[in-house]
Amino acid sequence: MRINDILKKKRTFSFEVFPPNPENSNIQDIYNTLDALQQFRPDFISVTFKASGDFSQNTIDLACYIQHHIAAEPLVHLTCGALDEHDVDALAAKMQTEGLENVLALRGDKPANFEGDYLKHFKHSTELMDHLRQQYDFCLAGACYPEGHIESESIREDIATLKLKQDMGAQFLITQLFYDNNFYYRLVRVARQMGITIPIIPGIMPLTSAVMFNKIKNMAGATIPFELRVLIDRFRDDKQAMYEIGISYAVHQILDLLANGADGIHIYTMNNARVAEEIYRRIQNVIEKELR
């Protein structure tokens, strides 16, 4: 089923997973994670795609596993920065053959160790969307940034790009992680003012360890609210406390988002079904009422 058809009927509840590196991970672990996530009845599960294009078949394999074994729709990430038109067409043809209908079209940022020309053909995700829209019949999704993309000079400039994504065929958007819900509310408010009508689903990543906190600071650039930063500074060396803080804060974010009419909830699981289970257990009644 196409995810946009689900969104016409209800707000969605969904997860993101990533294919483990087959060189240092057991592939069975991710299948076990997906089996565990199924009990929470997600509407869809997105599968990431390495920005370098390596192991792209693993993304498709996981999406196929979701399609055939999990009661959820797969959403295939397609990151085009390292790919040329031939590469994209080969992957799109595989998806069509497997009956995969939903694609999150991304440019992706150049990996630190990537050698050669990163933007081989598609300079922006909108170009990828336009190509897929003209050549294939996918339900297309796009990414958005509550605090604005780092390459945009202003939030309005960034949202103008989102409007272009909608014009190029995007049927819903999923946000990058954020920890201050006010950024999401601003994004939605300005997007609606600028003519964006498609659903904008907030993406939540529970901040459950000091290591994850450092990565978020260095990579995502998300603002950490003062009240959360105080807790992290106080308990960063206590793994159990950090886990509880991360889960509790994510629960607080989700409850606030649902109460204020967010188009759904998308949880970045980091392949950890236990995190999803803990969040679901704490707010199961709210999820059942708001998202079913």
Protein backbone atom coordinates (compact mmCIF):
# COMPACT_ATOMS: atom_id res chain seq x y z
CA MET A 1 0.00 0.00 0.00
CA ARG A 2 1.12 3.53 -0.69
CA ILE A 3 1.82 5.48 2.49
CA ASN A 4 0.07 8.59 1.21
CA ASP A 5 -3.15 6.55 1.04
CA ILE A 6 -2.72 5.64 4.73
CA LEU A 7 -2.16 9.31 5.58
CA LYS A 8 -5.44 10.24 3.88
CA LYS A 9 -7.23 8.15 6.52
CA LYS A 10 -5.20 8.60 9.72
CA ARG A 11 -2.09 9.86 11.43
CA THR A 12 0.73 7.35 11.20
CA PHE A 13 2.99 5.58 13.68
CA SER A 14 6.29 4.43 12.19
CA PHE A 15 9.92 3.47 12.77
CA GLU A 16 13.27 3.80 11.02
CA VAL A 17 15.91 1.06 10.86
CA PHE A 18 19.21 0.79 9.03
CA PRO A 19 20.94 -2.16 7.34
CA PRO A 20 23.87 -3.33 9.48
CA ASN A 21 27.29 -3.50 7.88
CA PRO A 22 27.63 -7.15 6.81
CA GLU A 23 31.37 -7.00 7.42
CA ASN A 24 31.04 -6.59 11.20
CA SER A 25 27.41 -7.39 12.07
CA ASN A 26 25.08 -10.36 12.10
CA ILE A 27 22.31 -9.72 9.58
CA GLN A 28 19.96 -11.87 11.64
CA ASP A 29 19.99 -9.19 14.35
CA ILE A 30 18.08 -6.71 12.20
CA TYR A 31 15.53 -9.35 11.25
CA ASN A 32 15.01 -10.03 14.95
CA THR A 33 14.59 -6.28 15.52
CA LEU A 34 11.99 -6.03 12.77
CA ASP A 35 10.11 -9.02 14.17
CA ALA A 36 10.06 -7.31 17.57
CA LEU A 37 8.87 -3.99 16.13
CA GLN A 38 5.91 -5.68 14.50
CA GLN A 39 4.09 -6.05 17.84
CA PHE A 40 3.65 -2.25 18.00
CA ARG A 41 1.68 -2.26 14.73
CA PRO A 42 3.59 0.45 12.83
CA ASP A 43 2.00 1.79 9.68
CA PHE A 44 5.37 1.83 7.94
CA ILE A 45 9.06 1.19 8.58
CA SER A 46 11.70 3.16 6.71
CA VAL A 47 15.04 1.60 5.76
CA THR A 48 18.07 3.85 5.36
CA PHE A 49 20.49 3.90 2.44
CA LYS A 50 24.22 4.58 2.78
CA ALA A 51 25.14 7.95 1.32
CA SER A 52 28.08 6.30 -0.48
CA GLY A 53 25.74 3.88 -2.23
CA ASP A 54 27.55 0.86 -0.73
CA PHE A 55 25.44 -2.15 0.26
CA SER A 56 22.38 -0.71 -1.50
CA GLN A 57 21.05 -4.23 -2.03
CA ASN A 58 20.84 -4.61 1.74
CA THR A 59 18.36 -1.74 1.89
CA ILE A 60 16.17 -3.40 -0.72
CA ASP A 61 16.49 -6.80 0.98
CA LEU A 62 15.31 -5.38 4.31
CA ALA A 63 12.44 -3.56 2.61
CA CYS A 64 11.40 -6.83 0.97
CA TYR A 65 11.55 -8.61 4.33
CA ILE A 66 9.26 -5.95 5.81
CA GLN A 67 6.90 -6.30 2.87
CA HIS A 68 6.61 -10.08 3.13
CA HIS A 69 6.99 -10.76 6.86
CA ILE A 70 5.98 -7.62 8.78
CA ALA A 71 2.52 -6.07 8.95
CA ALA A 72 3.83 -2.65 7.88
CA GLU A 73 4.63 -0.84 4.66
CA PRO A 74 8.33 -0.46 3.76
CA LEU A 75 9.67 2.99 2.92
CA VAL A 76 12.93 2.72 0.96
CA HIS A 77 15.46 5.52 1.37
CA LEU A 78 17.21 6.40 -1.87
CA THR A 79 20.21 8.70 -1.40
CA CYS A 80 21.38 9.91 -4.80
CA GLY A 81 24.50 11.99 -4.09
CA ALA A 82 26.95 9.25 -5.04
CA LEU A 83 24.76 7.82 -7.83
CA ASP A 84 24.36 8.67 -11.48
CA GLU A 85 21.15 8.27 -13.46
CA HIS A 86 22.01 4.70 -14.45
CA ASP A 87 22.53 3.70 -10.80
CA VAL A 88 19.21 5.24 -9.78
CA ASP A 89 17.35 3.56 -12.62
CA ALA A 90 18.84 0.17 -11.75
CA LEU A 91 17.74 0.51 -8.13
CA ALA A 92 14.30 1.84 -9.10
CA ALA A 93 13.82 -1.11 -11.46
CA LYS A 94 14.68 -3.52 -8.62
CA MET A 95 12.15 -1.82 -6.38
CA GLN A 96 9.47 -2.04 -9.02
CA THR A 97 10.21 -5.71 -9.61
CA GLU A 98 9.86 -6.39 -5.89
CA GLY A 99 6.63 -4.41 -5.67
CA LEU A 100 8.10 -1.73 -3.39
CA GLU A 101 5.93 1.36 -3.75
CA ASN A 102 7.29 3.95 -1.30
CA VAL A 103 10.56 5.91 -1.68
CA LEU A 104 12.11 8.59 0.53
CA ALA A 105 14.17 10.59 -1.97
CA LEU A 106 17.31 12.19 -0.51
CA ARG A 107 20.45 13.85 -1.77
CA GLY A 108 22.57 12.90 1.24
CA ASP A 109 25.70 14.53 2.58
CA LYS A 110 29.11 13.50 1.32
CA PRO A 111 30.63 10.84 3.61
CA ALA A 112 33.89 11.86 5.28
CA ASN A 113 35.91 9.11 3.57
CA PHE A 114 34.25 9.36 0.16
CA GLU A 115 36.65 9.70 -2.77
CA GLY A 116 35.71 11.19 -6.11
CA ASP A 117 32.82 13.31 -7.36
CA TYR A 118 29.99 12.96 -4.87
CA LEU A 119 27.27 14.78 -6.82
CA LYS A 120 27.65 12.74 -9.99
CA HIS A 121 24.35 13.60 -11.58
CA PHE A 122 21.64 14.69 -9.15
CA LYS A 123 22.65 17.90 -7.37
CA HIS A 124 19.54 18.08 -5.18
CA SER A 125 16.87 15.71 -3.92
CA THR A 126 14.30 17.66 -5.96
CA GLU A 127 16.09 16.56 -9.14
CA LEU A 128 15.90 12.94 -7.98
CA MET A 129 12.20 13.34 -7.18
CA ASP A 130 11.49 14.85 -10.58
CA HIS A 131 13.27 11.95 -12.29
CA LEU A 132 11.42 9.33 -10.26
CA ARG A 133 8.10 11.13 -10.77
CA GLN A 134 8.51 11.16 -14.54
CA GLN A 135 9.90 7.65 -14.98
CA TYR A 136 8.25 5.55 -12.25
CA ASP A 137 5.11 5.20 -10.18
CA PHE A 138 6.26 5.50 -6.57
CA CYS A 139 4.75 7.22 -3.58
CA LEU A 140 7.48 9.80 -2.95
CA ALA A 141 8.48 11.27 0.40
CA GLY A 142 10.97 13.99 1.27
CA ALA A 143 13.03 15.05 4.25
CA CYS A 144 12.74 18.37 6.07
CA TYR A 145 14.59 20.19 8.83
CA PRO A 146 12.74 21.85 11.73
CA GLU A 147 15.72 24.11 12.42
CA GLY A 148 16.44 24.69 8.73
CA HIS A 149 18.95 22.94 6.49
CA ILE A 150 22.53 23.94 7.19
CA GLU A 151 22.94 25.12 3.58
CA SER A 152 19.91 27.45 3.70
CA GLU A 153 20.27 31.08 4.72
CA SER A 154 16.85 31.27 6.37
CA ILE A 155 13.92 29.09 7.38
CA ARG A 156 11.83 30.60 4.58
CA GLU A 157 14.47 29.78 1.99
CA ASP A 158 14.57 26.23 3.29
CA ILE A 159 10.80 25.89 3.22
CA ALA A 160 10.74 27.23 -0.34
CA THR A 161 12.79 24.14 -1.18
CA LEU A 162 10.17 22.00 0.56
CA LYS A 163 7.53 23.61 -1.63
CA LEU A 164 9.61 22.57 -4.64
CA LYS A 165 9.73 19.01 -3.27
CA GLN A 166 5.95 19.03 -3.12
CA ASP A 167 5.81 20.36 -6.69
CA MET A 168 8.19 17.59 -7.81
CA GLY A 169 5.88 14.89 -6.44
CA ALA A 170 6.57 14.50 -2.71
CA GLN A 171 3.38 13.30 -1.03
CA PHE A 172 4.56 13.60 2.55
CA LEU A 173 7.59 14.80 4.51
CA ILE A 174 9.51 13.38 7.48
CA THR A 175 11.59 15.67 9.66
CA GLN A 176 15.15 15.32 10.78
CA LEU A 177 15.49 14.71 14.52
CA PHE A 178 14.85 17.62 16.90
CA TYR A 179 14.52 18.09 20.66
CA ASP A 180 12.56 21.33 20.88
CA ASN A 181 9.02 20.85 19.58
CA ASN A 182 8.68 24.58 18.95
CA PHE A 183 10.94 24.20 15.91
CA TYR A 184 8.52 21.64 14.47
CA TYR A 185 5.52 23.87 15.13
CA ARG A 186 7.27 26.78 13.43
CA LEU A 187 8.13 24.60 10.44
CA VAL A 188 4.53 23.48 10.01
CA ARG A 189 3.13 27.00 10.48
CA VAL A 190 5.43 28.61 7.92
CA ALA A 191 5.10 25.67 5.51
CA ARG A 192 1.32 26.00 5.49
CA GLN A 193 1.64 29.75 4.94
CA MET A 194 3.86 29.07 1.93
CA GLY A 195 1.48 26.62 0.28
CA ILE A 196 2.74 23.24 1.49
CA THR A 197 -0.30 21.04 2.05
CA ILE A 198 1.19 17.54 2.36
CA PRO A 199 1.61 15.86 5.79
CA ILE A 200 4.74 16.71 7.78
CA ILE A 201 5.61 13.84 10.12
CA PRO A 202 7.93 14.61 13.06
CA GLY A 203 10.95 12.34 13.51
CA ILE A 204 11.97 11.55 17.10
CA MET A 205 15.31 10.07 18.16
CA PRO A 206 15.51 9.19 21.88
CA LEU A 207 18.78 10.52 23.30
CA THR A 208 19.65 7.57 25.53
CA SER A 209 23.40 7.84 26.04
CA ALA A 210 26.19 10.38 26.39
CA VAL A 211 27.84 8.88 23.29
CA MET A 212 24.69 9.54 21.28
CA PHE A 213 24.56 13.08 22.68
CA ASN A 214 28.08 13.77 21.39
CA LYS A 215 27.21 12.38 17.96
CA ILE A 216 24.07 14.49 17.74
CA LYS A 217 26.04 17.63 18.59
CA ASN A 218 28.72 16.88 16.00
CA MET A 219 26.56 15.57 13.17
CA ALA A 220 22.95 16.69 13.30
CA GLY A 221 23.41 20.10 14.87
CA ALA A 222 20.08 19.86 16.67
CA THR A 223 19.50 22.31 19.51
CA ILE A 224 19.46 20.61 22.92
CA PRO A 225 16.98 22.47 25.19
CA PHE A 226 18.37 23.78 28.46
CA GLU A 227 16.32 21.44 30.65
CA LEU A 228 17.55 18.38 28.74
CA ARG A 229 21.15 19.60 28.68
CA VAL A 230 21.09 20.02 32.49
CA LEU A 231 20.02 16.40 32.90
CA ILE A 232 22.65 15.17 30.48
CA ASP A 233 25.40 17.15 32.20
CA ARG A 234 24.35 15.73 35.58
CA PHE A 235 23.94 12.07 34.58
CA ARG A 236 26.18 11.59 31.52
CA ASP A 237 28.32 8.98 33.31
CA ASP A 238 25.34 6.95 34.54
CA LYS A 239 24.22 4.71 31.66
CA GLN A 240 20.97 3.61 33.27
CA ALA A 241 19.99 7.16 34.21
CA MET A 242 20.81 8.42 30.70
CA TYR A 243 18.62 5.70 29.22
CA GLU A 244 15.70 6.68 31.46
CA ILE A 245 16.20 10.38 30.67
CA GLY A 246 16.25 9.74 26.93
CA ILE A 247 13.11 7.64 26.99
CA SER A 248 11.25 10.03 29.28
CA TYR A 249 12.12 13.06 27.16
CA ALA A 250 11.07 11.29 23.94
CA VAL A 251 7.77 10.33 25.58
CA HIS A 252 7.25 13.97 26.60
CA GLN A 253 7.95 15.14 23.04
CA ILE A 254 5.59 12.59 21.50
CA LEU A 255 2.73 13.36 23.88
CA ASP A 256 3.07 17.07 23.18
CA LEU A 257 3.21 16.51 19.42
CA LEU A 258 0.14 14.29 19.41
CA ALA A 259 -1.81 16.71 21.58
CA ASN A 260 -1.00 19.50 19.13
CA GLY A 261 -2.10 17.62 16.03
CA ALA A 262 1.15 16.36 14.48
CA ASP A 263 0.57 14.30 11.32
CA GLY A 264 2.12 11.21 12.91
CA ILE A 265 5.11 9.99 14.86
CA HIS A 266 8.26 8.52 13.29
CA ILE A 267 10.78 7.03 15.72
CA TYR A 268 14.45 6.65 14.81
CA THR A 269 15.09 3.34 16.58
CA MET A 270 18.83 2.96 15.87
CA ASN A 271 17.90 -0.74 15.43
CA ASN A 272 17.04 -0.97 19.12
CA ALA A 273 13.62 -2.56 19.57
CA ARG A 274 13.91 -2.16 23.33
CA VAL A 275 13.74 1.64 22.98
CA ALA A 276 10.60 1.40 20.87
CA GLU A 277 9.06 -1.02 23.34
CA GLU A 278 9.75 1.25 26.33
CA ILE A 279 8.25 4.28 24.60
CA TYR A 280 5.21 2.33 23.46
CA ARG A 281 4.62 0.81 26.89
CA ARG A 282 4.58 4.22 28.58
CA ILE A 283 2.09 5.83 26.19
CA GLN A 284 0.25 2.87 24.72
CA ASN A 285 -3.19 4.22 25.62
CA VAL A 286 -2.46 7.56 23.96
CA ILE A 287 -1.08 5.91 20.84
CA GLU A 288 -4.09 3.62 20.62
CA LYS A 289 -6.46 6.57 20.93
CA GLU A 290 -4.67 9.01 18.64
CA LEU A 291 -3.01 6.88 15.97
CA ARG A 292 -5.24 3.86 15.41
